[in-house]
C-alpha atoms as a PDB file:
ATOM      1  CA  MET A   1      90.254 -83.872 -74.715  1.00  0.00           C
ATOM      2  CA  GLY A   2      93.810 -84.991 -75.206  1.00  0.00           C
ATOM      3  CA  LEU A   3      96.576 -84.786 -72.595  1.00  0.00           C
ATOM      4  CA  TYR A   4      98.930 -81.859 -73.220  1.00  0.00           C
ATOM      5  CA  MET A   5     102.450 -83.147 -73.272  1.00  0.00           C
ATOM      6  CA  GLY A   6     104.310 -79.860 -73.539  1.00  0.00           C
ATOM      7  CA  HIS A   7     106.568 -78.613 -76.302  1.00  0.00           C
ATOM      8  CA  SER A   8     109.362 -80.673 -77.827  1.00  0.00           C
ATOM      9  CA  ILE A   9     112.114 -80.021 -80.406  1.00  0.00           C
ATOM     10  CA  LYS A  10     109.598 -81.080 -83.044  1.00  0.00           C
ATOM     11  CA  ASP A  11     107.677 -77.890 -82.338  1.00  0.00           C
ATOM     12  CA  LEU A  12     110.593 -75.692 -83.492  1.00  0.00           C
ATOM     13  CA  ILE A  13     111.164 -74.815 -87.108  1.00  0.00           C
ATOM     14  CA  TYR A  14     114.805 -73.916 -87.728  1.00  0.00           C
ATOM     15  CA  GLN A  15     114.822 -70.855 -89.989  1.00  0.00           C
ATOM     16  CA  GLY A  16     118.615 -70.814 -90.521  1.00  0.00           C
ATOM     17  CA  GLU A  17     121.460 -68.473 -89.617  1.00  0.00           C
ATOM     18  CA  LYS A  18     122.205 -64.957 -90.752  1.00  0.00           C
ATOM     19  CA  SER A  19     125.344 -63.041 -89.632  1.00  0.00           C
ATOM     20  CA  GLY A  20     125.908 -65.657 -86.964  1.00  0.00           C
ATOM     21  CA  VAL A  21     122.438 -65.391 -85.464  1.00  0.00           C
ATOM     22  CA  HIS A  22     120.387 -68.575 -85.509  1.00  0.00           C
ATOM     23  CA  ASN A  23     116.573 -68.349 -85.720  1.00  0.00           C
ATOM     24  CA  TRP A  24     113.790 -70.785 -84.805  1.00  0.00           C
ATOM     25  CA  GLN A  25     110.097 -70.283 -85.100  1.00  0.00           C
ATOM     26  CA  THR A  26     107.406 -72.091 -83.138  1.00  0.00           C
ATOM     27  CA  LEU A  27     104.288 -73.596 -84.728  1.00  0.00           C
ATOM     28  CA  GLU A  28     102.452 -70.654 -83.194  1.00  0.00           C
ATOM     29  CA  GLY A  29     104.653 -68.151 -85.068  1.00  0.00           C
ATOM     30  CA  MET A  30     106.917 -66.885 -82.212  1.00  0.00           C
ATOM     31  CA  SER A  31     110.526 -66.341 -83.206  1.00  0.00           C
ATOM     32  CA  TYR A  32     113.578 -67.038 -81.013  1.00  0.00           C
ATOM     33  CA  TYR A  33     117.164 -66.055 -81.745  1.00  0.00           C
ATOM     34  CA  TRP A  34     120.575 -67.160 -80.512  1.00  0.00           C
ATOM     35  CA  HIS A  35     124.170 -66.285 -81.359  1.00  0.00           C
ATOM     36  CA  PRO A  36     127.070 -68.514 -80.195  1.00  0.00           C
ATOM     37  CA  ASP A  37     128.452 -65.569 -78.197  1.00  0.00           C
ATOM     38  CA  TRP A  38     125.230 -65.182 -76.236  1.00  0.00           C
ATOM     39  CA  LEU A  39     124.424 -67.121 -73.035  1.00  0.00           C
ATOM     40  CA  HIS A  40     120.679 -66.592 -73.633  1.00  0.00           C
ATOM     41  CA  ILE A  41     117.952 -66.891 -76.205  1.00  0.00           C
ATOM     42  CA  ALA A  42     116.188 -63.761 -77.352  1.00  0.00           C
ATOM     43  CA  GLU A  43     112.894 -62.659 -78.969  1.00  0.00           C
ATOM     44  CA  ASP A  44     114.714 -60.224 -81.272  1.00  0.00           C
ATOM     45  CA  ILE A  45     117.582 -60.586 -83.664  1.00  0.00           C
ATOM     46  CA  THR A  46     119.778 -58.079 -81.790  1.00  0.00           C
ATOM     47  CA  GLY A  47     119.689 -60.214 -78.655  1.00  0.00           C
ATOM     48  CA  HIS A  48     118.695 -57.341 -76.455  1.00  0.00           C
ATOM     49  CA  LYS A  49     115.417 -58.839 -75.308  1.00  0.00           C
ATOM     50  CA  ALA A  50     116.731 -61.848 -73.434  1.00  0.00           C
ATOM     51  CA  THR A  51     114.037 -64.481 -73.005  1.00  0.00           C
ATOM     52  CA  ALA A  52     115.804 -67.199 -71.105  1.00  0.00           C
ATOM     53  CA  THR A  53     119.298 -68.091 -69.917  1.00  0.00           C
ATOM     54  CA  ILE A  54     120.966 -71.113 -71.482  1.00  0.00           C
ATOM     55  CA  ASP A  55     122.415 -73.782 -69.174  1.00  0.00           C
ATOM     56  CA  ILE A  56     125.808 -74.558 -70.677  1.00  0.00           C
ATOM     57  CA  ASP A  57     128.288 -77.336 -70.148  1.00  0.00           C
ATOM     58  CA  GLY A  58     131.366 -75.574 -71.655  1.00  0.00           C
ATOM     59  CA  GLU A  59     132.483 -71.952 -72.061  1.00  0.00           C
ATOM     60  CA  LYS A  60     130.023 -71.223 -74.855  1.00  0.00           C
ATOM     61  CA  ALA A  61     126.484 -72.388 -75.572  1.00  0.00           C
ATOM     62  CA  THR A  62     125.906 -74.874 -78.331  1.00  0.00           C
ATOM     63  CA  GLN A  63     123.031 -74.953 -80.831  1.00  0.00           C
ATOM     64  CA  HIS A  64     121.574 -77.963 -78.994  1.00  0.00           C
ATOM     65  CA  GLU A  65     121.683 -76.111 -75.669  1.00  0.00           C
ATOM     66  CA  ALA A  66     120.004 -73.107 -77.218  1.00  0.00           C
ATOM     67  CA  GLU A  67     117.203 -75.341 -78.591  1.00  0.00           C
ATOM     68  CA  LYS A  68     116.803 -76.939 -75.209  1.00  0.00           C
ATOM     69  CA  ALA A  69     116.517 -73.487 -73.558  1.00  0.00           C
ATOM     70  CA  ILE A  70     113.773 -72.496 -76.019  1.00  0.00           C
ATOM     71  CA  ILE A  71     111.789 -75.654 -75.288  1.00  0.00           C
ATOM     72  CA  GLN A  72     112.184 -75.146 -71.497  1.00  0.00           C
ATOM     73  CA  HIS A  73     111.031 -71.516 -71.851  1.00  0.00           C
ATOM     74  CA  LEU A  74     107.981 -72.538 -73.906  1.00  0.00           C
ATOM     75  CA  ASN A  75     107.006 -75.222 -71.394  1.00  0.00           C
ATOM     76  CA  LYS A  76     107.353 -72.726 -68.470  1.00  0.00           C
ATOM     77  CA  SER A  77     105.250 -70.166 -70.347  1.00  0.00           C
ATOM     78  CA  ASP A  78     102.441 -72.697 -70.803  1.00  0.00           C
ATOM     79  CA  LYS A  79     101.990 -73.343 -67.097  1.00  0.00           C
END
């Protein structure tokens, strides 16, 4: 048995952006969404089902910060 190292950015497949909402899919098929005006990631395109809060450095979250929040959420969910 191999040692499980957790999720990394390589486990996310960027699906693109539609109407300002960015979408990633995991290798397992889960989708996560983020819009630059949101301070969270969501499991639905409307953003109403907040999955995790994004830790931000500025006034708005960046795409990189959103990706980091998804990875942190996935790693917490696996424990």
